[in-house]
Amino acid sequence: MPRSVTPTDRAIIRLLQQNSRASYAELSRKTGIPESTIRRRMERLQEIGVIEFSMVADPAKLGYQLRAVIGLKVDVRELEPIAATVREMEEVAFAAFVTGSFDIVIHVVVEHQEGLVSLLQRLAGIEGIRSTETFVMPWIIKPATDWVLPQTEYDMPQPRRKRGPEFDEEGNVVPRKRGRPRRNPAA
């Protein structure tokens, strides 16, 4: 796990994933961490790119009834220009270079079947795309926005380790000094 993300940060992230509109005060109440610390940590997590905030609209409620995943087989030598073209297509909600049967997988959102046919025709005209395979999604079982950071061993407080014995040059155990060190050893 990256050292820059602490168990406290992970707890804040989990709470934000459940309610991204939670106030600093609410996050403070739920974690027991001061508001100023919550604010500082959230700013740092945004600065280092661990979290970002965006608004997600439901395409179906806006009239975009058809979602599909399209697998693209491409000439990998043309990957960069193909990626640039796909990135600019408004219908494409997500695109990734992948391993397996396809080279690129895209998630598209269109209003209707005619929109999908039009998109497929445009894809066929892009130099370097050899073939496509379309998978219409009639039902989204779990949207990507439902992913929540899982709890791991990094979230659990680590027990303090007992210091092992110290040894001198000859390999003998050096007894530990007990108590607090004196402030003025010369006194």
N, C-alpha and C. Protein backbone atom coordinates (compact mmCIF):
# COMPACT_ATOMS: atom_id res chain seq x y z
N MET A 1 0.85 -1.17 0.00
CA MET A 1 0.00 0.00 0.00
C MET A 1 0.89 1.24 0.00
N PRO A 2 0.52 2.26 -0.75
CA PRO A 2 1.33 3.48 -0.75
C PRO A 2 1.42 4.06 0.67
N ARG A 3 2.62 4.47 1.05
CA ARG A 3 2.83 5.03 2.38
C ARG A 3 2.06 6.32 2.60
N SER A 4 1.73 7.00 1.51
CA SER A 4 1.06 8.29 1.64
C SER A 4 -0.41 8.17 2.06
N VAL A 5 -0.94 6.96 2.07
CA VAL A 5 -2.34 6.75 2.46
C VAL A 5 -2.36 5.96 3.77
N THR A 6 -2.85 6.60 4.80
CA THR A 6 -2.86 6.01 6.14
C THR A 6 -4.19 5.32 6.41
N PRO A 7 -4.27 4.51 7.47
CA PRO A 7 -5.57 3.94 7.86
C PRO A 7 -6.63 5.02 8.11
N THR A 8 -6.23 6.16 8.65
CA THR A 8 -7.17 7.26 8.87
C THR A 8 -7.69 7.77 7.53
N ASP A 9 -6.78 7.95 6.56
CA ASP A 9 -7.19 8.38 5.23
C ASP A 9 -8.18 7.39 4.62
N ARG A 10 -7.90 6.12 4.78
CA ARG A 10 -8.77 5.08 4.22
C ARG A 10 -10.17 5.14 4.85
N ALA A 11 -10.23 5.42 6.15
CA ALA A 11 -11.54 5.54 6.82
C ALA A 11 -12.31 6.73 6.25
N ILE A 12 -11.62 7.84 6.03
CA ILE A 12 -12.26 9.02 5.45
C ILE A 12 -12.76 8.70 4.03
N ILE A 13 -11.93 8.03 3.24
CA ILE A 13 -12.29 7.68 1.87
C ILE A 13 -13.55 6.81 1.86
N ARG A 14 -13.60 5.81 2.73
CA ARG A 14 -14.77 4.92 2.80
C ARG A 14 -16.04 5.71 3.11
N LEU A 15 -15.97 6.62 4.07
CA LEU A 15 -17.14 7.44 4.42
C LEU A 15 -17.55 8.32 3.25
N LEU A 16 -16.59 8.89 2.53
CA LEU A 16 -16.91 9.73 1.38
C LEU A 16 -17.52 8.90 0.25
N GLN A 17 -17.11 7.65 0.11
CA GLN A 17 -17.70 6.80 -0.92
C GLN A 17 -19.16 6.51 -0.61
N GLN A 18 -19.50 6.48 0.65
CA GLN A 18 -20.90 6.26 1.04
C GLN A 18 -21.72 7.53 0.88
N ASN A 19 -21.09 8.70 1.12
CA ASN A 19 -21.78 9.98 0.97
C ASN A 19 -20.73 11.04 0.64
N SER A 20 -20.56 11.30 -0.64
CA SER A 20 -19.53 12.25 -1.08
C SER A 20 -19.86 13.70 -0.70
N ARG A 21 -21.08 13.93 -0.26
CA ARG A 21 -21.48 15.29 0.13
C ARG A 21 -21.38 15.49 1.64
N ALA A 22 -20.82 14.53 2.36
CA ALA A 22 -20.68 14.66 3.82
C ALA A 22 -19.81 15.87 4.15
N SER A 23 -20.22 16.61 5.18
CA SER A 23 -19.46 17.79 5.60
C SER A 23 -18.26 17.36 6.43
N TYR A 24 -17.32 18.30 6.59
CA TYR A 24 -16.17 18.02 7.45
C TYR A 24 -16.65 17.70 8.86
N ALA A 25 -17.68 18.41 9.32
CA ALA A 25 -18.21 18.19 10.67
C ALA A 25 -18.77 16.78 10.80
N GLU A 26 -19.51 16.33 9.79
CA GLU A 26 -20.08 14.98 9.83
C GLU A 26 -18.98 13.92 9.82
N LEU A 27 -17.98 14.11 8.96
CA LEU A 27 -16.86 13.16 8.91
C LEU A 27 -16.11 13.15 10.24
N SER A 28 -15.98 14.32 10.84
CA SER A 28 -15.32 14.43 12.14
C SER A 28 -16.09 13.65 13.21
N ARG A 29 -17.41 13.80 13.22
CA ARG A 29 -18.24 13.08 14.21
C ARG A 29 -18.11 11.57 14.03
N LYS A 30 -18.12 11.10 12.79
CA LYS A 30 -18.10 9.66 12.54
C LYS A 30 -16.74 9.03 12.78
N THR A 31 -15.67 9.82 12.66
CA THR A 31 -14.33 9.25 12.83
C THR A 31 -13.68 9.61 14.16
N GLY A 32 -14.19 10.67 14.79
CA GLY A 32 -13.56 11.14 16.03
C GLY A 32 -12.30 11.95 15.75
N ILE A 33 -12.11 12.35 14.51
CA ILE A 33 -10.92 13.12 14.10
C ILE A 33 -11.34 14.59 13.99
N PRO A 34 -10.51 15.52 14.45
CA PRO A 34 -10.88 16.94 14.37
C PRO A 34 -11.16 17.38 12.92
N GLU A 35 -12.10 18.32 12.78
CA GLU A 35 -12.48 18.83 11.46
C GLU A 35 -11.27 19.34 10.69
N SER A 36 -10.40 20.07 11.36
CA SER A 36 -9.23 20.64 10.67
C SER A 36 -8.35 19.53 10.10
N THR A 37 -8.24 18.42 10.80
CA THR A 37 -7.45 17.29 10.31
C THR A 37 -8.14 16.66 9.10
N ILE A 38 -9.45 16.51 9.17
CA ILE A 38 -10.22 15.96 8.04
C ILE A 38 -9.98 16.83 6.81
N ARG A 39 -10.12 18.13 6.97
CA ARG A 39 -9.95 19.07 5.86
C ARG A 39 -8.55 18.94 5.27
N ARG A 40 -7.53 18.94 6.12
CA ARG A 40 -6.14 18.85 5.66
C ARG A 40 -5.89 17.54 4.92
N ARG A 41 -6.38 16.46 5.48
CA ARG A 41 -6.16 15.14 4.84
C ARG A 41 -6.87 15.05 3.50
N MET A 42 -8.11 15.58 3.42
CA MET A 42 -8.84 15.54 2.15
C MET A 42 -8.13 16.38 1.10
N GLU A 43 -7.63 17.55 1.49
CA GLU A 43 -6.89 18.39 0.54
C GLU A 43 -5.65 17.67 0.04
N ARG A 44 -4.93 17.01 0.96
CA ARG A 44 -3.71 16.29 0.56
C ARG A 44 -4.05 15.12 -0.36
N LEU A 45 -5.11 14.37 -0.04
CA LEU A 45 -5.51 13.24 -0.89
C LEU A 45 -5.91 13.70 -2.29
N GLN A 46 -6.53 14.88 -2.38
CA GLN A 46 -6.86 15.43 -3.69
C GLN A 46 -5.60 15.86 -4.43
N GLU A 47 -4.69 16.52 -3.73
CA GLU A 47 -3.45 17.01 -4.35
C GLU A 47 -2.61 15.87 -4.92
N ILE A 48 -2.55 14.74 -4.22
CA ILE A 48 -1.72 13.62 -4.69
C ILE A 48 -2.50 12.68 -5.62
N GLY A 49 -3.77 13.03 -5.91
CA GLY A 49 -4.54 12.28 -6.89
C GLY A 49 -5.18 10.99 -6.39
N VAL A 50 -5.26 10.81 -5.09
CA VAL A 50 -5.89 9.61 -4.54
C VAL A 50 -7.40 9.69 -4.65
N ILE A 51 -7.95 10.89 -4.41
CA ILE A 51 -9.40 11.09 -4.54
C ILE A 51 -9.67 12.26 -5.47
N GLU A 52 -10.82 12.21 -6.10
CA GLU A 52 -11.32 13.34 -6.88
C GLU A 52 -12.82 13.34 -6.77
N PHE A 53 -13.41 14.50 -6.97
CA PHE A 53 -14.85 14.62 -6.87
C PHE A 53 -15.44 14.94 -8.23
N SER A 54 -16.54 14.27 -8.57
CA SER A 54 -17.25 14.57 -9.82
C SER A 54 -18.72 14.23 -9.63
N MET A 55 -19.54 14.74 -10.51
CA MET A 55 -20.96 14.48 -10.47
C MET A 55 -21.26 13.37 -11.48
N VAL A 56 -22.11 12.44 -11.11
CA VAL A 56 -22.48 11.34 -12.00
C VAL A 56 -23.97 11.46 -12.31
N ALA A 57 -24.28 11.49 -13.60
CA ALA A 57 -25.69 11.56 -14.03
C ALA A 57 -26.14 10.17 -14.46
N ASP A 58 -27.42 9.88 -14.29
CA ASP A 58 -27.99 8.61 -14.74
C ASP A 58 -28.43 8.76 -16.19
N PRO A 59 -27.70 8.15 -17.15
CA PRO A 59 -28.03 8.32 -18.57
C PRO A 59 -29.47 7.93 -18.91
N ALA A 60 -29.97 6.86 -18.32
CA ALA A 60 -31.33 6.39 -18.64
C ALA A 60 -32.37 7.45 -18.30
N LYS A 61 -32.18 8.16 -17.19
CA LYS A 61 -33.14 9.19 -16.79
C LYS A 61 -33.01 10.45 -17.63
N LEU A 62 -31.98 10.50 -18.46
CA LEU A 62 -31.79 11.63 -19.37
C LEU A 62 -32.11 11.25 -20.82
N GLY A 63 -32.69 10.06 -21.00
CA GLY A 63 -33.10 9.65 -22.34
C GLY A 63 -32.10 8.79 -23.09
N TYR A 64 -31.00 8.43 -22.47
CA TYR A 64 -29.99 7.57 -23.12
C TYR A 64 -30.23 6.14 -22.64
N GLN A 65 -31.02 5.42 -23.43
CA GLN A 65 -31.53 4.12 -23.02
C GLN A 65 -30.61 2.94 -23.31
N LEU A 66 -29.61 3.12 -24.16
CA LEU A 66 -28.81 1.97 -24.57
C LEU A 66 -27.36 2.13 -24.12
N ARG A 67 -26.90 1.13 -23.39
CA ARG A 67 -25.50 1.06 -22.96
C ARG A 67 -24.91 -0.20 -23.54
N ALA A 68 -23.66 -0.11 -23.92
CA ALA A 68 -23.00 -1.29 -24.50
C ALA A 68 -21.52 -1.25 -24.20
N VAL A 69 -20.93 -2.42 -24.21
CA VAL A 69 -19.48 -2.58 -24.15
C VAL A 69 -19.08 -3.05 -25.54
N ILE A 70 -18.07 -2.41 -26.09
CA ILE A 70 -17.59 -2.80 -27.42
C ILE A 70 -16.12 -3.18 -27.31
N GLY A 71 -15.81 -4.39 -27.75
CA GLY A 71 -14.43 -4.85 -27.80
C GLY A 71 -13.86 -4.52 -29.17
N LEU A 72 -12.68 -3.91 -29.18
CA LEU A 72 -12.03 -3.54 -30.44
C LEU A 72 -10.75 -4.35 -30.63
N LYS A 73 -10.60 -4.94 -31.79
CA LYS A 73 -9.32 -5.54 -32.17
C LYS A 73 -8.66 -4.54 -33.09
N VAL A 74 -7.45 -4.15 -32.74
CA VAL A 74 -6.79 -3.07 -33.48
C VAL A 74 -5.37 -3.46 -33.88
N ASP A 75 -4.85 -2.70 -34.84
CA ASP A 75 -3.43 -2.78 -35.17
C ASP A 75 -2.72 -2.00 -34.07
N VAL A 76 -2.02 -2.70 -33.20
CA VAL A 76 -1.43 -2.07 -32.02
C VAL A 76 -0.44 -0.96 -32.41
N ARG A 77 0.11 -1.01 -33.60
CA ARG A 77 1.00 0.07 -34.06
C ARG A 77 0.24 1.38 -34.21
N GLU A 78 -1.09 1.30 -34.33
CA GLU A 78 -1.94 2.49 -34.47
C GLU A 78 -2.65 2.83 -33.15
N LEU A 79 -2.18 2.28 -32.04
CA LEU A 79 -2.86 2.43 -30.76
C LEU A 79 -3.04 3.89 -30.35
N GLU A 80 -2.00 4.69 -30.42
CA GLU A 80 -2.09 6.09 -29.98
C GLU A 80 -3.12 6.89 -30.77
N PRO A 81 -3.08 6.87 -32.12
CA PRO A 81 -4.11 7.65 -32.83
C PRO A 81 -5.53 7.10 -32.62
N ILE A 82 -5.66 5.79 -32.49
CA ILE A 82 -6.98 5.21 -32.22
C ILE A 82 -7.47 5.68 -30.85
N ALA A 83 -6.60 5.62 -29.84
CA ALA A 83 -6.96 6.05 -28.49
C ALA A 83 -7.37 7.52 -28.48
N ALA A 84 -6.64 8.37 -29.21
CA ALA A 84 -6.97 9.79 -29.27
C ALA A 84 -8.35 10.01 -29.88
N THR A 85 -8.67 9.25 -30.92
CA THR A 85 -9.97 9.39 -31.59
C THR A 85 -11.10 8.91 -30.68
N VAL A 86 -10.91 7.76 -30.05
CA VAL A 86 -11.93 7.19 -29.16
C VAL A 86 -12.16 8.11 -27.97
N ARG A 87 -11.08 8.69 -27.45
CA ARG A 87 -11.17 9.58 -26.30
C ARG A 87 -12.08 10.79 -26.59
N GLU A 88 -12.12 11.22 -27.82
CA GLU A 88 -12.90 12.39 -28.21
C GLU A 88 -14.37 12.08 -28.52
N MET A 89 -14.75 10.81 -28.60
CA MET A 89 -16.12 10.44 -28.94
C MET A 89 -17.03 10.65 -27.73
N GLU A 90 -18.06 11.47 -27.90
CA GLU A 90 -18.96 11.80 -26.79
C GLU A 90 -19.69 10.58 -26.25
N GLU A 91 -19.97 9.60 -27.08
CA GLU A 91 -20.72 8.42 -26.64
C GLU A 91 -19.89 7.51 -25.73
N VAL A 92 -18.57 7.66 -25.77
CA VAL A 92 -17.68 6.77 -25.01
C VAL A 92 -17.56 7.28 -23.57
N ALA A 93 -18.04 6.47 -22.62
CA ALA A 93 -17.97 6.82 -21.20
C ALA A 93 -16.68 6.31 -20.56
N PHE A 94 -16.09 5.26 -21.14
CA PHE A 94 -14.90 4.64 -20.58
C PHE A 94 -14.19 3.91 -21.70
N ALA A 95 -12.87 3.95 -21.69
CA ALA A 95 -12.08 3.21 -22.67
C ALA A 95 -10.79 2.75 -22.02
N ALA A 96 -10.35 1.53 -22.35
CA ALA A 96 -9.11 1.02 -21.78
C ALA A 96 -8.41 0.08 -22.76
N PHE A 97 -7.09 0.13 -22.75
CA PHE A 97 -6.26 -0.84 -23.45
C PHE A 97 -6.24 -2.07 -22.55
N VAL A 98 -6.54 -3.24 -23.09
CA VAL A 98 -6.69 -4.44 -22.26
C VAL A 98 -5.89 -5.61 -22.83
N THR A 99 -5.77 -6.65 -22.02
CA THR A 99 -5.17 -7.89 -22.48
C THR A 99 -6.31 -8.87 -22.76
N GLY A 100 -6.05 -9.91 -23.52
CA GLY A 100 -7.09 -10.90 -23.80
C GLY A 100 -7.49 -10.87 -25.26
N SER A 101 -8.75 -11.18 -25.54
CA SER A 101 -9.24 -11.30 -26.91
C SER A 101 -9.32 -9.97 -27.64
N PHE A 102 -9.44 -8.87 -26.90
CA PHE A 102 -9.54 -7.55 -27.52
C PHE A 102 -8.33 -6.73 -27.12
N ASP A 103 -8.11 -5.66 -27.86
CA ASP A 103 -7.01 -4.75 -27.55
C ASP A 103 -7.52 -3.54 -26.78
N ILE A 104 -8.73 -3.10 -27.11
CA ILE A 104 -9.36 -1.96 -26.44
C ILE A 104 -10.80 -2.36 -26.12
N VAL A 105 -11.26 -1.95 -24.95
CA VAL A 105 -12.66 -2.14 -24.58
C VAL A 105 -13.22 -0.76 -24.27
N ILE A 106 -14.40 -0.46 -24.85
CA ILE A 106 -15.04 0.82 -24.57
C ILE A 106 -16.46 0.58 -24.04
N HIS A 107 -16.89 1.46 -23.15
CA HIS A 107 -18.26 1.45 -22.63
C HIS A 107 -18.93 2.66 -23.26
N VAL A 108 -20.01 2.43 -23.97
CA VAL A 108 -20.69 3.53 -24.66
C VAL A 108 -22.11 3.71 -24.15
N VAL A 109 -22.61 4.94 -24.25
CA VAL A 109 -23.97 5.28 -23.87
C VAL A 109 -24.58 6.05 -25.04
N VAL A 110 -25.69 5.53 -25.57
CA VAL A 110 -26.38 6.19 -26.69
C VAL A 110 -27.88 6.22 -26.42
N GLU A 111 -28.59 7.07 -27.17
CA GLU A 111 -30.02 7.21 -26.94
C GLU A 111 -30.82 5.99 -27.38
N HIS A 112 -30.41 5.37 -28.50
CA HIS A 112 -31.20 4.29 -29.08
C HIS A 112 -30.33 3.45 -30.01
N GLN A 113 -30.93 2.43 -30.61
CA GLN A 113 -30.18 1.52 -31.48
C GLN A 113 -29.57 2.24 -32.68
N GLU A 114 -30.27 3.20 -33.23
CA GLU A 114 -29.74 3.93 -34.37
C GLU A 114 -28.44 4.65 -33.99
N GLY A 115 -28.38 5.16 -32.77
CA GLY A 115 -27.16 5.81 -32.29
C GLY A 115 -26.01 4.82 -32.18
N LEU A 116 -26.32 3.60 -31.77
CA LEU A 116 -25.30 2.56 -31.67
C LEU A 116 -24.79 2.19 -33.07
N VAL A 117 -25.70 2.03 -34.03
CA VAL A 117 -25.31 1.70 -35.40
C VAL A 117 -24.41 2.80 -35.97
N SER A 118 -24.79 4.04 -35.76
CA SER A 118 -23.99 5.17 -36.23
C SER A 118 -22.58 5.15 -35.62
N LEU A 119 -22.50 4.88 -34.33
CA LEU A 119 -21.20 4.80 -33.66
C LEU A 119 -20.36 3.67 -34.22
N LEU A 120 -20.97 2.51 -34.43
CA LEU A 120 -20.23 1.36 -34.98
C LEU A 120 -19.71 1.68 -36.38
N GLN A 121 -20.47 2.40 -37.16
CA GLN A 121 -20.02 2.78 -38.50
C GLN A 121 -18.83 3.73 -38.41
N ARG A 122 -18.88 4.67 -37.48
CA ARG A 122 -17.73 5.59 -37.29
C ARG A 122 -16.50 4.84 -36.83
N LEU A 123 -16.69 3.87 -35.92
CA LEU A 123 -15.55 3.06 -35.46
C LEU A 123 -14.94 2.28 -36.63
N ALA A 124 -15.79 1.73 -37.49
CA ALA A 124 -15.30 0.94 -38.63
C ALA A 124 -14.47 1.80 -39.57
N GLY A 125 -14.70 3.11 -39.58
CA GLY A 125 -13.95 4.00 -40.46
C GLY A 125 -12.63 4.47 -39.90
N ILE A 126 -12.31 4.09 -38.67
CA ILE A 126 -11.04 4.53 -38.05
C ILE A 126 -9.92 3.60 -38.50
N GLU A 127 -8.88 4.20 -39.05
CA GLU A 127 -7.76 3.41 -39.54
C GLU A 127 -7.10 2.67 -38.37
N GLY A 128 -6.89 1.38 -38.56
CA GLY A 128 -6.24 0.57 -37.54
C GLY A 128 -7.19 -0.31 -36.75
N ILE A 129 -8.50 -0.01 -36.79
CA ILE A 129 -9.47 -0.88 -36.11
C ILE A 129 -9.81 -2.01 -37.08
N ARG A 130 -9.47 -3.23 -36.68
CA ARG A 130 -9.68 -4.39 -37.56
C ARG A 130 -11.07 -4.98 -37.41
N SER A 131 -11.60 -5.02 -36.16
CA SER A 131 -12.94 -5.57 -35.95
C SER A 131 -13.48 -5.10 -34.61
N THR A 132 -14.80 -5.23 -34.46
CA THR A 132 -15.46 -4.88 -33.21
C THR A 132 -16.43 -5.99 -32.83
N GLU A 133 -16.70 -6.09 -31.54
CA GLU A 133 -17.75 -6.98 -31.06
C GLU A 133 -18.51 -6.22 -29.99
N THR A 134 -19.84 -6.19 -30.13
CA THR A 134 -20.68 -5.37 -29.26
C THR A 134 -21.47 -6.23 -28.28
N PHE A 135 -21.48 -5.78 -27.03
CA PHE A 135 -22.24 -6.45 -25.97
C PHE A 135 -23.19 -5.42 -25.39
N VAL A 136 -24.47 -5.50 -25.74
CA VAL A 136 -25.47 -4.57 -25.20
C VAL A 136 -25.74 -4.95 -23.75
N MET A 137 -25.87 -3.93 -22.89
CA MET A 137 -26.10 -4.15 -21.46
C MET A 137 -27.54 -3.79 -21.12
N PRO A 138 -28.46 -4.77 -21.13
CA PRO A 138 -29.85 -4.45 -20.80
C PRO A 138 -30.07 -4.17 -19.32
N TRP A 139 -29.11 -4.57 -18.46
CA TRP A 139 -29.29 -4.42 -17.03
C TRP A 139 -27.92 -4.23 -16.38
N ILE A 140 -27.75 -3.18 -15.62
CA ILE A 140 -26.51 -2.93 -14.88
C ILE A 140 -26.69 -3.57 -13.50
N ILE A 141 -25.93 -4.59 -13.22
CA ILE A 141 -26.05 -5.29 -11.95
C ILE A 141 -25.42 -4.49 -10.81
N LYS A 142 -24.24 -3.95 -11.08
CA LYS A 142 -23.55 -3.13 -10.08
C LYS A 142 -22.76 -2.06 -10.82
N PRO A 143 -23.15 -0.79 -10.65
CA PRO A 143 -22.42 0.27 -11.35
C PRO A 143 -21.03 0.48 -10.74
N ALA A 144 -20.13 0.99 -11.55
CA ALA A 144 -18.75 1.24 -11.10
C ALA A 144 -18.73 2.18 -9.90
N THR A 145 -19.70 3.06 -9.79
CA THR A 145 -19.74 4.02 -8.69
C THR A 145 -20.06 3.36 -7.35
N ASP A 146 -20.45 2.08 -7.34
CA ASP A 146 -20.75 1.38 -6.09
C ASP A 146 -19.52 0.76 -5.43
N TRP A 147 -18.35 0.83 -6.08
CA TRP A 147 -17.15 0.24 -5.50
C TRP A 147 -16.77 1.02 -4.25
N VAL A 148 -16.49 0.30 -3.16
CA VAL A 148 -16.06 0.91 -1.90
C VAL A 148 -14.73 0.30 -1.52
N LEU A 149 -13.83 1.12 -1.04
CA LEU A 149 -12.50 0.68 -0.61
C LEU A 149 -12.63 -0.42 0.44
N PRO A 150 -12.13 -1.62 0.15
CA PRO A 150 -12.27 -2.70 1.13
C PRO A 150 -11.36 -2.49 2.34
N GLN A 151 -11.78 -3.06 3.46
CA GLN A 151 -10.94 -3.02 4.65
C GLN A 151 -9.85 -4.07 4.50
N THR A 152 -8.64 -3.71 4.87
CA THR A 152 -7.51 -4.63 4.78
C THR A 152 -6.72 -4.60 6.08
N GLU A 153 -5.64 -5.35 6.10
CA GLU A 153 -4.78 -5.35 7.28
C GLU A 153 -4.16 -3.98 7.52
N TYR A 154 -4.10 -3.13 6.47
CA TYR A 154 -3.54 -1.78 6.63
C TYR A 154 -4.43 -0.89 7.49
N ASP A 155 -5.71 -1.24 7.61
CA ASP A 155 -6.65 -0.44 8.37
C ASP A 155 -6.61 -0.76 9.87
N MET A 156 -6.02 -1.87 10.22
CA MET A 156 -5.99 -2.29 11.61
C MET A 156 -4.79 -1.65 12.31
N PRO A 157 -4.99 -1.20 13.53
CA PRO A 157 -3.84 -0.64 14.26
C PRO A 157 -2.77 -1.71 14.42
N GLN A 158 -1.55 -1.34 14.14
CA GLN A 158 -0.44 -2.27 14.26
C GLN A 158 0.03 -2.33 15.71
N PRO A 159 0.21 -3.55 16.24
CA PRO A 159 0.70 -3.63 17.63
C PRO A 159 2.12 -3.09 17.70
N ARG A 160 2.41 -2.45 18.82
CA ARG A 160 3.76 -1.94 19.00
C ARG A 160 4.71 -3.11 19.18
N ARG A 161 5.78 -3.05 18.47
CA ARG A 161 6.78 -4.11 18.59
C ARG A 161 7.65 -3.87 19.81
N LYS A 162 7.93 -4.96 20.49
CA LYS A 162 8.86 -4.87 21.60
C LYS A 162 10.26 -4.82 21.01
N ARG A 163 11.05 -3.97 21.59
CA ARG A 163 12.43 -3.90 21.12
C ARG A 163 13.15 -5.16 21.55
N GLY A 164 13.94 -5.63 20.66
CA GLY A 164 14.76 -6.79 20.99
C GLY A 164 15.94 -6.39 21.86
N PRO A 165 16.66 -7.37 22.35
CA PRO A 165 17.82 -7.04 23.20
C PRO A 165 18.91 -6.35 22.38
N GLU A 166 19.70 -5.53 23.07
CA GLU A 166 20.85 -4.88 22.44
C GLU A 166 22.08 -5.67 22.85
N PHE A 167 23.06 -5.71 21.94
CA PHE A 167 24.28 -6.47 22.18
C PHE A 167 25.49 -5.57 22.11
N ASP A 168 26.53 -5.92 22.91
CA ASP A 168 27.79 -5.18 22.81
C ASP A 168 28.67 -5.81 21.73
N GLU A 169 29.91 -5.30 21.59
CA GLU A 169 30.81 -5.78 20.53
C GLU A 169 31.13 -7.28 20.65
N GLU A 170 31.06 -7.81 21.88
CA GLU A 170 31.41 -9.21 22.11
C GLU A 170 30.21 -10.15 22.02
N GLY A 171 29.03 -9.59 21.74
CA GLY A 171 27.84 -10.41 21.61
C GLY A 171 27.07 -10.61 22.90
N ASN A 172 27.45 -9.91 23.97
CA ASN A 172 26.74 -10.01 25.25
C ASN A 172 25.54 -9.07 25.25
N VAL A 173 24.47 -9.51 25.92
CA VAL A 173 23.27 -8.69 26.04
C VAL A 173 23.58 -7.51 26.96
N VAL A 174 23.23 -6.31 26.50
CA VAL A 174 23.42 -5.10 27.29
C VAL A 174 22.13 -4.85 28.04
N PRO A 175 22.20 -4.73 29.38
CA PRO A 175 20.97 -4.50 30.15
C PRO A 175 20.37 -3.14 29.79
N ARG A 176 19.04 -3.10 29.79
CA ARG A 176 18.33 -1.86 29.48
C ARG A 176 18.32 -0.95 30.69
N LYS A 177 18.39 0.34 30.41
CA LYS A 177 18.28 1.32 31.49
C LYS A 177 16.80 1.54 31.75
N ARG A 178 16.41 1.53 32.97
CA ARG A 178 15.01 1.72 33.35
C ARG A 178 14.76 3.16 33.75
N GLY A 179 13.52 3.58 33.64
CA GLY A 179 13.14 4.92 34.09
C GLY A 179 13.42 5.97 33.04
N ARG A 180 13.16 7.20 33.43
CA ARG A 180 13.35 8.32 32.52
C ARG A 180 14.79 8.82 32.61
N PRO A 181 15.30 9.28 31.47
CA PRO A 181 16.65 9.86 31.53
C PRO A 181 16.61 11.17 32.30
N ARG A 182 17.69 11.45 33.00
CA ARG A 182 17.74 12.68 33.77
C ARG A 182 17.94 13.85 32.83
N ARG A 183 17.32 15.00 33.21
CA ARG A 183 17.40 16.18 32.36
C ARG A 183 18.82 16.74 32.30
N ASN A 184 19.48 16.75 33.41
CA ASN A 184 20.84 17.30 33.45
C ASN A 184 21.78 16.22 33.94
N PRO A 185 22.32 15.43 32.98
CA PRO A 185 23.15 14.31 33.40
C PRO A 185 24.39 14.73 34.17
N ALA A 186 24.83 15.97 34.03
CA ALA A 186 26.03 16.44 34.72
C ALA A 186 25.74 16.71 36.20
N ALA A 187 24.47 16.87 36.55
CA ALA A 187 24.12 17.22 37.94
C ALA A 187 24.25 16.04 38.84
